[in-house]
């Protein structure tokens, strides 16, 4: 009865009204629940460090969903944002997928409402649609081929040059791809709030203070920043680059959560988060940071909130991911 009442309360009010004993050892409790429920915890690189440290898998969104699909777990807890948990559900429809906070959305995914994109797409009936994996499950149903920031160049280059392309939802990644591939694409006007807030002026001054530092950036950043970068890559790509580079200092233009893994992998190196245009913590994603250890514990305990998708959305959306995987396999980008 107590469990049912708690679930009813969660359904009505979320986790706000549930109190947790401040003396509770959350790490021990989460590990015990994970074992008893045969669950795995996925943590995106942008999560708080304590969530990363307790996770079974840490990484980028698609890679995490792929790893979870290969496990024998009954429950997947995705410490990330909503579209990531949707992707996990699409790849593991038979498993229960949980998200610690349903309000953990994504400014980029939210910038492309499917109903508006559907009308936009109708204006270009002869165009093939390529969508960045950082989009909603419903947008994936309107997509011909998905891509990640790692394989995006290869995906675009795999499309015959006489085929016209719509790229969604990230205009900055799209502009970067146009420059890299020489393809002229129709871009949806979407962007990530974190990657648009970095200050070029402050980064220039920071490089003057640290002349030996390398400036590395995610391709979701705006063009003026990417033109300054010593290296451009996905979050995983940035991490791997810092591990291999002989440089000792890096200025990092992406969400600051990745610095935790960079520091763990290279404790002898210095990592400086690229400064935003103002004095707020704008280089941290407020949606990612909605997930907390307390919510992670409650999520596992009560097995809520659960991500549910219609069978048609899973079936139609997964086709765009499958097509991406086929192209990536041919290009030797898998494994």
C-alpha atoms as a PDB file:
ATOM      1  CA  UNK A   1       0.000   0.000   0.000  1.00  0.00           C
ATOM      2  CA  UNK A   2       2.820   2.387   0.875  1.00  0.00           C
ATOM      3  CA  UNK A   3       4.483   1.806  -2.496  1.00  0.00           C
ATOM      4  CA  UNK A   4       1.211   2.391  -4.362  1.00  0.00           C
ATOM      5  CA  UNK A   5       0.529   5.598  -2.442  1.00  0.00           C
ATOM      6  CA  UNK A   6       4.024   6.851  -3.173  1.00  0.00           C
ATOM      7  CA  UNK A   7       3.591   6.138  -6.877  1.00  0.00           C
ATOM      8  CA  UNK A   8       0.256   7.973  -6.913  1.00  0.00           C
ATOM      9  CA  UNK A   9       1.923  10.928  -5.241  1.00  0.00           C
ATOM     10  CA  UNK A  10       4.753  10.845  -7.767  1.00  0.00           C
ATOM     11  CA  UNK A  11       2.285  10.781 -10.631  1.00  0.00           C
ATOM     12  CA  UNK A  12       0.511  13.823  -9.229  1.00  0.00           C
ATOM     13  CA  UNK A  13       3.342  15.937  -7.825  1.00  0.00           C
ATOM     14  CA  UNK A  14       6.626  14.457  -9.011  1.00  0.00           C
ATOM     15  CA  UNK A  15       9.421  13.935  -6.498  1.00  0.00           C
ATOM     16  CA  UNK A  16       8.977  17.344  -4.847  1.00  0.00           C
ATOM     17  CA  UNK A  17       6.919  16.171  -1.870  1.00  0.00           C
ATOM     18  CA  UNK A  18       8.895  13.019  -1.081  1.00  0.00           C
ATOM     19  CA  UNK A  19      11.368  13.482   1.721  1.00  0.00           C
ATOM     20  CA  UNK A  20      14.599  11.519   1.962  1.00  0.00           C
ATOM     21  CA  UNK A  21      16.419  10.879   5.214  1.00  0.00           C
ATOM     22  CA  UNK A  22      19.503  13.145   4.984  1.00  0.00           C
ATOM     23  CA  UNK A  23      21.519  10.399   6.713  1.00  0.00           C
ATOM     24  CA  UNK A  24      20.706   7.899   3.971  1.00  0.00           C
ATOM     25  CA  UNK A  25      23.746   6.560   2.126  1.00  0.00           C
ATOM     26  CA  UNK A  26      22.483   7.213  -1.384  1.00  0.00           C
ATOM     27  CA  UNK A  27      25.373   5.454  -3.099  1.00  0.00           C
ATOM     28  CA  UNK A  28      24.802   2.260  -1.114  1.00  0.00           C
ATOM     29  CA  UNK A  29      21.021   2.429  -1.556  1.00  0.00           C
ATOM     30  CA  UNK A  30      21.233   3.030  -5.300  1.00  0.00           C
ATOM     31  CA  UNK A  31      23.686   0.173  -5.760  1.00  0.00           C
ATOM     32  CA  UNK A  32      21.441  -2.152  -3.735  1.00  0.00           C
ATOM     33  CA  UNK A  33      18.351  -1.182  -5.754  1.00  0.00           C
ATOM     34  CA  UNK A  34      20.242  -1.570  -8.994  1.00  0.00           C
ATOM     35  CA  UNK A  35      21.247  -5.099  -8.061  1.00  0.00           C
ATOM     36  CA  UNK A  36      17.830  -6.186  -6.755  1.00  0.00           C
ATOM     37  CA  UNK A  37      15.980  -4.808  -9.776  1.00  0.00           C
ATOM     38  CA  UNK A  38      18.525  -5.913 -12.400  1.00  0.00           C
ATOM     39  CA  UNK A  39      18.952  -2.329 -13.567  1.00  0.00           C
ATOM     40  CA  UNK A  40      21.711  -0.395 -15.295  1.00  0.00           C
ATOM     41  CA  UNK A  41      22.397   3.303 -14.880  1.00  0.00           C
ATOM     42  CA  UNK A  42      23.480   5.345 -17.878  1.00  0.00           C
ATOM     43  CA  UNK A  43      25.025   8.768 -17.315  1.00  0.00           C
ATOM     44  CA  UNK A  44      25.733  11.309 -19.986  1.00  0.00           C
ATOM     45  CA  UNK A  45      29.011  13.190 -19.781  1.00  0.00           C
ATOM     46  CA  UNK A  46      27.099  16.343 -18.789  1.00  0.00           C
ATOM     47  CA  UNK A  47      25.701  14.897 -15.554  1.00  0.00           C
ATOM     48  CA  UNK A  48      26.896  15.866 -12.088  1.00  0.00           C
ATOM     49  CA  UNK A  49      30.139  14.107 -11.151  1.00  0.00           C
ATOM     50  CA  UNK A  50      28.567  11.944  -8.419  1.00  0.00           C
ATOM     51  CA  UNK A  51      26.026  10.569 -10.896  1.00  0.00           C
ATOM     52  CA  UNK A  52      28.805   9.822 -13.384  1.00  0.00           C
ATOM     53  CA  UNK A  53      30.732   8.004 -10.664  1.00  0.00           C
ATOM     54  CA  UNK A  54      27.859   5.665  -9.771  1.00  0.00           C
ATOM     55  CA  UNK A  55      26.825   4.914 -13.363  1.00  0.00           C
ATOM     56  CA  UNK A  56      27.454   1.607 -15.108  1.00  0.00           C
ATOM     57  CA  UNK A  57      28.100   3.358 -18.396  1.00  0.00           C
ATOM     58  CA  UNK A  58      29.204   6.934 -19.126  1.00  0.00           C
ATOM     59  CA  UNK A  59      29.242   8.462 -22.577  1.00  0.00           C
ATOM     60  CA  UNK A  60      27.351  10.199 -25.387  1.00  0.00           C
ATOM     61  CA  UNK A  61      23.639   9.624 -25.838  1.00  0.00           C
ATOM     62  CA  UNK A  62      23.506   7.077 -28.678  1.00  0.00           C
ATOM     63  CA  UNK A  63      26.485   5.074 -27.429  1.00  0.00           C
ATOM     64  CA  UNK A  64      24.859   4.740 -24.017  1.00  0.00           C
ATOM     65  CA  UNK A  65      21.597   3.467 -25.510  1.00  0.00           C
ATOM     66  CA  UNK A  66      23.506   0.958 -27.623  1.00  0.00           C
ATOM     67  CA  UNK A  67      25.433  -0.329 -24.606  1.00  0.00           C
ATOM     68  CA  UNK A  68      22.245  -0.693 -22.559  1.00  0.00           C
ATOM     69  CA  UNK A  69      20.558  -2.611 -25.386  1.00  0.00           C
ATOM     70  CA  UNK A  70      23.332  -5.199 -25.260  1.00  0.00           C
ATOM     71  CA  UNK A  71      22.929  -5.878 -21.539  1.00  0.00           C
ATOM     72  CA  UNK A  72      20.592  -8.356 -19.862  1.00  0.00           C
ATOM     73  CA  UNK A  73      19.155  -5.606 -17.658  1.00  0.00           C
ATOM     74  CA  UNK A  74      15.397  -5.380 -17.151  1.00  0.00           C
ATOM     75  CA  UNK A  75      15.493  -1.676 -16.277  1.00  0.00           C
ATOM     76  CA  UNK A  76      17.456   1.190 -17.860  1.00  0.00           C
ATOM     77  CA  UNK A  77      17.810   4.382 -15.842  1.00  0.00           C
ATOM     78  CA  UNK A  78      19.001   7.158 -18.135  1.00  0.00           C
ATOM     79  CA  UNK A  79      20.575  10.053 -16.267  1.00  0.00           C
ATOM     80  CA  UNK A  80      20.388  12.449 -19.163  1.00  0.00           C
ATOM     81  CA  UNK A  81      17.594  14.309 -20.920  1.00  0.00           C
ATOM     82  CA  UNK A  82      14.264  13.223 -22.357  1.00  0.00           C
ATOM     83  CA  UNK A  83      15.231  12.576 -25.977  1.00  0.00           C
ATOM     84  CA  UNK A  84      18.109  10.356 -24.827  1.00  0.00           C
ATOM     85  CA  UNK A  85      15.772   8.186 -22.769  1.00  0.00           C
ATOM     86  CA  UNK A  86      13.445   7.999 -25.776  1.00  0.00           C
ATOM     87  CA  UNK A  87      16.312   6.702 -27.903  1.00  0.00           C
ATOM     88  CA  UNK A  88      17.097   4.084 -25.253  1.00  0.00           C
ATOM     89  CA  UNK A  89      13.455   2.970 -25.334  1.00  0.00           C
ATOM     90  CA  UNK A  90      13.525   2.779 -29.139  1.00  0.00           C
ATOM     91  CA  UNK A  91      16.592   0.522 -29.046  1.00  0.00           C
ATOM     92  CA  UNK A  92      15.285  -1.552 -26.107  1.00  0.00           C
ATOM     93  CA  UNK A  93      11.472  -1.533 -26.442  1.00  0.00           C
ATOM     94  CA  UNK A  94      11.122  -4.628 -24.249  1.00  0.00           C
ATOM     95  CA  UNK A  95      12.886  -2.966 -21.300  1.00  0.00           C
ATOM     96  CA  UNK A  96      11.568  -0.465 -18.795  1.00  0.00           C
ATOM     97  CA  UNK A  97      13.299   2.876 -19.337  1.00  0.00           C
ATOM     98  CA  UNK A  98      13.290   5.452 -16.550  1.00  0.00           C
ATOM     99  CA  UNK A  99      14.318   9.112 -16.461  1.00  0.00           C
ATOM    100  CA  UNK A 100      15.002  10.621 -13.013  1.00  0.00           C
ATOM    101  CA  UNK A 101      13.273  13.896 -13.958  1.00  0.00           C
ATOM    102  CA  UNK A 102      10.739  14.067 -16.789  1.00  0.00           C
ATOM    103  CA  UNK A 103      11.300  17.821 -16.989  1.00  0.00           C
ATOM    104  CA  UNK A 104      14.906  17.236 -18.049  1.00  0.00           C
ATOM    105  CA  UNK A 105      14.338  18.402 -21.590  1.00  0.00           C
ATOM    106  CA  UNK A 106      16.723  19.770 -24.206  1.00  0.00           C
ATOM    107  CA  UNK A 107      16.790  23.248 -25.718  1.00  0.00           C
ATOM    108  CA  UNK A 108      17.997  21.830 -29.032  1.00  0.00           C
ATOM    109  CA  UNK A 109      15.379  19.079 -29.266  1.00  0.00           C
ATOM    110  CA  UNK A 110      12.677  21.500 -28.114  1.00  0.00           C
ATOM    111  CA  UNK A 111      13.697  24.016 -30.798  1.00  0.00           C
ATOM    112  CA  UNK A 112      12.249  21.716 -33.462  1.00  0.00           C
ATOM    113  CA  UNK A 113       8.602  20.876 -32.692  1.00  0.00           C
ATOM    114  CA  UNK A 114       7.596  17.936 -34.932  1.00  0.00           C
ATOM    115  CA  UNK A 115       4.304  19.521 -36.012  1.00  0.00           C
ATOM    116  CA  UNK A 116       6.143  22.611 -37.294  1.00  0.00           C
ATOM    117  CA  UNK A 117       8.907  20.577 -38.887  1.00  0.00           C
ATOM    118  CA  UNK A 118       6.326  18.476 -40.725  1.00  0.00           C
ATOM    119  CA  UNK A 119       4.992  21.638 -42.421  1.00  0.00           C
ATOM    120  CA  UNK A 120       8.553  22.835 -43.079  1.00  0.00           C
ATOM    121  CA  UNK A 121       9.403  19.508 -44.701  1.00  0.00           C
ATOM    122  CA  UNK A 122       6.370  19.759 -47.008  1.00  0.00           C
ATOM    123  CA  UNK A 123       7.981  22.826 -48.628  1.00  0.00           C
ATOM    124  CA  UNK A 124      10.885  20.663 -49.811  1.00  0.00           C
ATOM    125  CA  UNK A 125       9.304  17.415 -51.071  1.00  0.00           C
ATOM    126  CA  UNK A 126      12.377  16.432 -53.091  1.00  0.00           C
ATOM    127  CA  UNK A 127      14.791  16.750 -50.135  1.00  0.00           C
ATOM    128  CA  UNK A 128      16.175  13.952 -47.979  1.00  0.00           C
ATOM    129  CA  UNK A 129      16.007  14.688 -44.249  1.00  0.00           C
ATOM    130  CA  UNK A 130      19.074  14.189 -42.074  1.00  0.00           C
ATOM    131  CA  UNK A 131      18.517  14.815 -38.369  1.00  0.00           C
ATOM    132  CA  UNK A 132      21.046  15.053 -35.588  1.00  0.00           C
ATOM    133  CA  UNK A 133      20.435  12.294 -33.024  1.00  0.00           C
ATOM    134  CA  UNK A 134      19.731  15.051 -30.472  1.00  0.00           C
ATOM    135  CA  UNK A 135      16.066  15.278 -31.398  1.00  0.00           C
ATOM    136  CA  UNK A 136      12.765  13.852 -30.219  1.00  0.00           C
ATOM    137  CA  UNK A 137      11.502  10.385 -31.092  1.00  0.00           C
ATOM    138  CA  UNK A 138       8.704  11.951 -33.113  1.00  0.00           C
ATOM    139  CA  UNK A 139      11.143  14.016 -35.177  1.00  0.00           C
ATOM    140  CA  UNK A 140      13.040  10.819 -35.938  1.00  0.00           C
ATOM    141  CA  UNK A 141       9.837   9.490 -37.550  1.00  0.00           C
ATOM    142  CA  UNK A 142      10.074  12.425 -40.004  1.00  0.00           C
ATOM    143  CA  UNK A 143      13.751  11.728 -40.685  1.00  0.00           C
ATOM    144  CA  UNK A 144      15.368   9.635 -43.412  1.00  0.00           C
ATOM    145  CA  UNK A 145      18.805   9.307 -41.783  1.00  0.00           C
ATOM    146  CA  UNK A 146      19.995  10.230 -38.307  1.00  0.00           C
ATOM    147  CA  UNK A 147      23.565  11.255 -37.568  1.00  0.00           C
ATOM    148  CA  UNK A 148      25.796  11.915 -34.578  1.00  0.00           C
ATOM    149  CA  UNK A 149      28.441  14.605 -34.248  1.00  0.00           C
ATOM    150  CA  UNK A 150      31.003  11.836 -34.813  1.00  0.00           C
ATOM    151  CA  UNK A 151      29.633  10.405 -38.063  1.00  0.00           C
ATOM    152  CA  UNK A 152      27.791  13.454 -39.455  1.00  0.00           C
ATOM    153  CA  UNK A 153      30.382  14.237 -42.143  1.00  0.00           C
ATOM    154  CA  UNK A 154      30.327  10.649 -43.412  1.00  0.00           C
ATOM    155  CA  UNK A 155      26.526  10.562 -43.390  1.00  0.00           C
ATOM    156  CA  UNK A 156      26.283  13.733 -45.493  1.00  0.00           C
ATOM    157  CA  UNK A 157      29.013  12.542 -47.869  1.00  0.00           C
ATOM    158  CA  UNK A 158      27.199   9.214 -48.347  1.00  0.00           C
ATOM    159  CA  UNK A 159      24.245  11.008 -49.951  1.00  0.00           C
ATOM    160  CA  UNK A 160      24.535  11.447 -53.741  1.00  0.00           C
ATOM    161  CA  UNK A 161      25.483  15.011 -54.620  1.00  0.00           C
ATOM    162  CA  UNK A 162      22.413  15.415 -56.809  1.00  0.00           C
ATOM    163  CA  UNK A 163      20.139  14.807 -53.805  1.00  0.00           C
ATOM    164  CA  UNK A 164      19.013  17.885 -51.900  1.00  0.00           C
ATOM    165  CA  UNK A 165      19.213  17.783 -48.096  1.00  0.00           C
ATOM    166  CA  UNK A 166      17.331  19.239 -45.139  1.00  0.00           C
ATOM    167  CA  UNK A 167      19.410  19.203 -41.961  1.00  0.00           C
ATOM    168  CA  UNK A 168      17.732  19.448 -38.564  1.00  0.00           C
ATOM    169  CA  UNK A 169      17.590  20.573 -35.853  1.00  0.00           C
ATOM    170  CA  UNK A 170      21.006  22.198 -35.180  1.00  0.00           C
ATOM    171  CA  UNK A 171      21.856  25.102 -37.493  1.00  0.00           C
ATOM    172  CA  UNK A 172      25.397  25.385 -36.091  1.00  0.00           C
ATOM    173  CA  UNK A 173      26.255  21.741 -36.695  1.00  0.00           C
ATOM    174  CA  UNK A 174      24.574  22.065 -40.092  1.00  0.00           C
ATOM    175  CA  UNK A 175      26.691  25.088 -41.021  1.00  0.00           C
ATOM    176  CA  UNK A 176      29.825  23.250 -39.906  1.00  0.00           C
ATOM    177  CA  UNK A 177      28.867  20.274 -42.090  1.00  0.00           C
ATOM    178  CA  UNK A 178      28.226  22.507 -45.078  1.00  0.00           C
ATOM    179  CA  UNK A 179      31.739  23.916 -44.699  1.00  0.00           C
ATOM    180  CA  UNK A 180      33.316  20.467 -44.223  1.00  0.00           C
ATOM    181  CA  UNK A 181      31.492  18.727 -47.067  1.00  0.00           C
ATOM    182  CA  UNK A 182      30.849  21.561 -49.513  1.00  0.00           C
ATOM    183  CA  UNK A 183      27.166  20.608 -49.616  1.00  0.00           C
ATOM    184  CA  UNK A 184      24.455  23.250 -49.721  1.00  0.00           C
ATOM    185  CA  UNK A 185      21.717  22.216 -47.265  1.00  0.00           C
ATOM    186  CA  UNK A 186      18.460  23.670 -46.035  1.00  0.00           C
ATOM    187  CA  UNK A 187      18.924  24.200 -42.301  1.00  0.00           C
ATOM    188  CA  UNK A 188      16.275  24.164 -39.601  1.00  0.00           C
ATOM    189  CA  UNK A 189      16.812  27.145 -37.297  1.00  0.00           C
ATOM    190  CA  UNK A 190      17.522  25.301 -34.028  1.00  0.00           C
ATOM    191  CA  UNK A 191      20.397  25.417 -31.561  1.00  0.00           C
ATOM    192  CA  UNK A 192      21.658  24.310 -28.148  1.00  0.00           C
ATOM    193  CA  UNK A 193      21.472  27.087 -25.549  1.00  0.00           C
ATOM    194  CA  UNK A 194      24.735  25.999 -23.899  1.00  0.00           C
ATOM    195  CA  UNK A 195      26.801  25.937 -27.075  1.00  0.00           C
ATOM    196  CA  UNK A 196      25.533  29.339 -28.224  1.00  0.00           C
ATOM    197  CA  UNK A 197      26.414  31.208 -25.037  1.00  0.00           C
ATOM    198  CA  UNK A 198      30.215  31.043 -25.176  1.00  0.00           C
ATOM    199  CA  UNK A 199      31.989  34.406 -25.442  1.00  0.00           C
ATOM    200  CA  UNK A 200      34.491  34.689 -28.287  1.00  0.00           C
ATOM    201  CA  UNK A 201      36.002  37.814 -26.706  1.00  0.00           C
ATOM    202  CA  UNK A 202      36.550  36.123 -23.344  1.00  0.00           C
ATOM    203  CA  UNK A 203      38.037  33.037 -24.982  1.00  0.00           C
ATOM    204  CA  UNK A 204      40.490  35.216 -26.913  1.00  0.00           C
ATOM    205  CA  UNK A 205      41.590  36.824 -23.635  1.00  0.00           C
ATOM    206  CA  UNK A 206      41.813  33.423 -21.975  1.00  0.00           C
ATOM    207  CA  UNK A 207      44.100  32.180 -24.755  1.00  0.00           C
ATOM    208  CA  UNK A 208      46.337  35.203 -24.184  1.00  0.00           C
ATOM    209  CA  UNK A 209      46.628  34.210 -20.514  1.00  0.00           C
ATOM    210  CA  UNK A 210      47.337  30.587 -21.439  1.00  0.00           C
ATOM    211  CA  UNK A 211      49.323  30.793 -24.706  1.00  0.00           C
ATOM    212  CA  UNK A 212      50.216  27.092 -24.598  1.00  0.00           C
ATOM    213  CA  UNK A 213      46.608  25.960 -24.130  1.00  0.00           C
ATOM    214  CA  UNK A 214      44.680  24.244 -26.895  1.00  0.00           C
ATOM    215  CA  UNK A 215      41.167  25.451 -27.567  1.00  0.00           C
ATOM    216  CA  UNK A 216      38.823  22.536 -28.311  1.00  0.00           C
ATOM    217  CA  UNK A 217      35.139  22.852 -29.210  1.00  0.00           C
ATOM    218  CA  UNK A 218      31.997  20.873 -29.951  1.00  0.00           C
ATOM    219  CA  UNK A 219      30.542  21.394 -33.470  1.00  0.00           C
ATOM    220  CA  UNK A 220      27.288  22.655 -31.913  1.00  0.00           C
ATOM    221  CA  UNK A 221      29.176  25.897 -31.177  1.00  0.00           C
ATOM    222  CA  UNK A 222      28.751  28.917 -33.439  1.00  0.00           C
ATOM    223  CA  UNK A 223      31.020  29.363 -36.477  1.00  0.00           C
ATOM    224  CA  UNK A 224      33.239  32.168 -35.052  1.00  0.00           C
ATOM    225  CA  UNK A 225      34.251  29.864 -32.195  1.00  0.00           C
ATOM    226  CA  UNK A 226      34.843  26.864 -34.426  1.00  0.00           C
ATOM    227  CA  UNK A 227      37.123  28.962 -36.638  1.00  0.00           C
ATOM    228  CA  UNK A 228      39.342  29.536 -33.583  1.00  0.00           C
ATOM    229  CA  UNK A 229      39.438  25.921 -32.453  1.00  0.00           C
ATOM    230  CA  UNK A 230      42.529  23.728 -32.504  1.00  0.00           C
ATOM    231  CA  UNK A 231      40.266  20.677 -32.524  1.00  0.00           C
ATOM    232  CA  UNK A 232      36.528  20.180 -33.184  1.00  0.00           C
ATOM    233  CA  UNK A 233      34.787  16.999 -32.138  1.00  0.00           C
ATOM    234  CA  UNK A 234      31.953  15.222 -30.353  1.00  0.00           C
ATOM    235  CA  UNK A 235      32.012  15.041 -26.571  1.00  0.00           C
ATOM    236  CA  UNK A 236      33.673  11.634 -26.743  1.00  0.00           C
ATOM    237  CA  UNK A 237      35.995  12.962 -29.420  1.00  0.00           C
ATOM    238  CA  UNK A 238      37.034  15.875 -27.210  1.00  0.00           C
ATOM    239  CA  UNK A 239      37.735  13.523 -24.313  1.00  0.00           C
ATOM    240  CA  UNK A 240      39.857  11.191 -26.441  1.00  0.00           C
ATOM    241  CA  UNK A 241      41.735  14.121 -27.949  1.00  0.00           C
ATOM    242  CA  UNK A 242      42.768  15.461 -24.531  1.00  0.00           C
ATOM    243  CA  UNK A 243      44.032  12.015 -23.592  1.00  0.00           C
ATOM    244  CA  UNK A 244      46.217  11.731 -26.693  1.00  0.00           C
ATOM    245  CA  UNK A 245      47.397  15.319 -27.084  1.00  0.00           C
ATOM    246  CA  UNK A 246      50.800  16.228 -25.585  1.00  0.00           C
ATOM    247  CA  UNK A 247      49.374  19.582 -24.489  1.00  0.00           C
ATOM    248  CA  UNK A 248      48.979  20.141 -20.764  1.00  0.00           C
ATOM    249  CA  UNK A 249      46.250  22.797 -20.805  1.00  0.00           C
ATOM    250  CA  UNK A 250      42.914  22.874 -22.619  1.00  0.00           C
ATOM    251  CA  UNK A 251      40.133  25.428 -22.923  1.00  0.00           C
ATOM    252  CA  UNK A 252      36.988  23.384 -23.456  1.00  0.00           C
ATOM    253  CA  UNK A 253      33.914  24.754 -25.275  1.00  0.00           C
ATOM    254  CA  UNK A 254      31.145  22.354 -24.430  1.00  0.00           C
ATOM    255  CA  UNK A 255      29.040  21.589 -21.359  1.00  0.00           C
ATOM    256  CA  UNK A 256      31.312  21.658 -18.308  1.00  0.00           C
ATOM    257  CA  UNK A 257      30.259  18.220 -17.057  1.00  0.00           C
ATOM    258  CA  UNK A 258      32.760  16.566 -19.407  1.00  0.00           C
ATOM    259  CA  UNK A 259      35.651  18.093 -17.443  1.00  0.00           C
ATOM    260  CA  UNK A 260      35.119  15.483 -14.705  1.00  0.00           C
ATOM    261  CA  UNK A 261      36.031  12.645 -17.072  1.00  0.00           C
ATOM    262  CA  UNK A 262      38.853  14.652 -18.619  1.00  0.00           C
ATOM    263  CA  UNK A 263      40.380  15.249 -15.194  1.00  0.00           C
ATOM    264  CA  UNK A 264      40.001  11.589 -14.246  1.00  0.00           C
ATOM    265  CA  UNK A 265      41.620  10.431 -17.485  1.00  0.00           C
ATOM    266  CA  UNK A 266      44.447  13.012 -17.407  1.00  0.00           C
ATOM    267  CA  UNK A 267      45.032  14.139 -13.804  1.00  0.00           C
ATOM    268  CA  UNK A 268      48.302  15.816 -14.804  1.00  0.00           C
ATOM    269  CA  UNK A 269      46.541  18.195 -17.210  1.00  0.00           C
ATOM    270  CA  UNK A 270      44.556  21.400 -16.670  1.00  0.00           C
ATOM    271  CA  UNK A 271      41.063  21.856 -18.115  1.00  0.00           C
ATOM    272  CA  UNK A 272      39.419  25.278 -18.262  1.00  0.00           C
ATOM    273  CA  UNK A 273      35.718  25.608 -19.129  1.00  0.00           C
ATOM    274  CA  UNK A 274      35.172  28.143 -21.899  1.00  0.00           C
ATOM    275  CA  UNK A 275      33.508  31.242 -20.385  1.00  0.00           C
ATOM    276  CA  UNK A 276      29.959  32.293 -21.312  1.00  0.00           C
ATOM    277  CA  UNK A 277      28.965  35.793 -22.382  1.00  0.00           C
ATOM    278  CA  UNK A 278      27.819  36.742 -18.888  1.00  0.00           C
ATOM    279  CA  UNK A 279      28.687  35.721 -15.341  1.00  0.00           C
ATOM    280  CA  UNK A 280      26.120  32.951 -14.919  1.00  0.00           C
ATOM    281  CA  UNK A 281      26.868  29.221 -15.058  1.00  0.00           C
ATOM    282  CA  UNK A 282      25.589  29.164 -18.636  1.00  0.00           C
ATOM    283  CA  UNK A 283      28.149  26.613 -19.751  1.00  0.00           C
ATOM    284  CA  UNK A 284      26.185  24.119 -17.654  1.00  0.00           C
ATOM    285  CA  UNK A 285      22.985  22.665 -19.077  1.00  0.00           C
ATOM    286  CA  UNK A 286      20.125  23.381 -16.640  1.00  0.00           C
ATOM    287  CA  UNK A 287      18.175  20.433 -18.062  1.00  0.00           C
ATOM    288  CA  UNK A 288      21.000  17.953 -17.501  1.00  0.00           C
ATOM    289  CA  UNK A 289      21.482  19.283 -14.004  1.00  0.00           C
ATOM    290  CA  UNK A 290      17.842  18.583 -13.076  1.00  0.00           C
ATOM    291  CA  UNK A 291      18.901  15.009 -12.381  1.00  0.00           C
ATOM    292  CA  UNK A 292      20.223  14.548  -8.855  1.00  0.00           C
ATOM    293  CA  UNK A 293      21.325  11.626  -6.701  1.00  0.00           C
ATOM    294  CA  UNK A 294      18.092  11.950  -4.717  1.00  0.00           C
ATOM    295  CA  UNK A 295      15.957  11.749  -7.858  1.00  0.00           C
ATOM    296  CA  UNK A 296      18.051   8.865  -9.130  1.00  0.00           C
ATOM    297  CA  UNK A 297      17.392   6.965  -5.898  1.00  0.00           C
ATOM    298  CA  UNK A 298      13.639   7.654  -5.939  1.00  0.00           C
ATOM    299  CA  UNK A 299      13.438   6.818  -9.640  1.00  0.00           C
ATOM    300  CA  UNK A 300      14.922   3.372  -9.016  1.00  0.00           C
ATOM    301  CA  UNK A 301      12.947   2.759  -5.848  1.00  0.00           C
ATOM    302  CA  UNK A 302       9.535   3.515  -7.360  1.00  0.00           C
ATOM    303  CA  UNK A 303      10.395   2.730 -11.000  1.00  0.00           C
ATOM    304  CA  UNK A 304       9.104   6.105 -12.126  1.00  0.00           C
ATOM    305  CA  UNK A 305       8.959   8.220 -14.252  1.00  0.00           C
ATOM    306  CA  UNK A 306       8.841   5.734 -17.111  1.00  0.00           C
ATOM    307  CA  UNK A 307       9.386   6.568 -20.777  1.00  0.00           C
ATOM    308  CA  UNK A 308       6.544   5.214 -22.918  1.00  0.00           C
ATOM    309  CA  UNK A 309       6.416   5.415 -26.711  1.00  0.00           C
ATOM    310  CA  UNK A 310       3.809   4.262 -29.201  1.00  0.00           C
ATOM    311  CA  UNK A 311       4.821   1.185 -31.205  1.00  0.00           C
ATOM    312  CA  UNK A 312       4.423   3.200 -34.420  1.00  0.00           C
ATOM    313  CA  UNK A 313       6.854   5.870 -33.178  1.00  0.00           C
ATOM    314  CA  UNK A 314       9.417   3.221 -32.269  1.00  0.00           C
ATOM    315  CA  UNK A 315       8.995   1.421 -35.591  1.00  0.00           C
ATOM    316  CA  UNK A 316       9.132   4.541 -37.773  1.00  0.00           C
ATOM    317  CA  UNK A 317      11.785   6.323 -35.733  1.00  0.00           C
ATOM    318  CA  UNK A 318      14.202   3.412 -35.474  1.00  0.00           C
ATOM    319  CA  UNK A 319      14.378   3.211 -39.276  1.00  0.00           C
ATOM    320  CA  UNK A 320      16.360   6.476 -39.414  1.00  0.00           C
ATOM    321  CA  UNK A 321      18.808   5.167 -36.805  1.00  0.00           C
ATOM    322  CA  UNK A 322      19.165   1.827 -38.602  1.00  0.00           C
ATOM    323  CA  UNK A 323      19.962   3.641 -41.838  1.00  0.00           C
ATOM    324  CA  UNK A 324      22.647   5.658 -40.052  1.00  0.00           C
ATOM    325  CA  UNK A 325      24.168   2.483 -38.608  1.00  0.00           C
ATOM    326  CA  UNK A 326      24.287   0.859 -42.056  1.00  0.00           C
ATOM    327  CA  UNK A 327      26.144   3.839 -43.530  1.00  0.00           C
ATOM    328  CA  UNK A 328      28.484   4.047 -40.549  1.00  0.00           C
ATOM    329  CA  UNK A 329      29.291   0.348 -40.814  1.00  0.00           C
ATOM    330  CA  UNK A 330      30.191   0.725 -44.481  1.00  0.00           C
ATOM    331  CA  UNK A 331      32.393   3.716 -43.624  1.00  0.00           C
ATOM    332  CA  UNK A 332      34.162   1.689 -40.940  1.00  0.00           C
ATOM    333  CA  UNK A 333      32.966   3.928 -38.122  1.00  0.00           C
ATOM    334  CA  UNK A 334      31.580   1.129 -35.954  1.00  0.00           C
ATOM    335  CA  UNK A 335      33.388  -1.141 -33.564  1.00  0.00           C
END
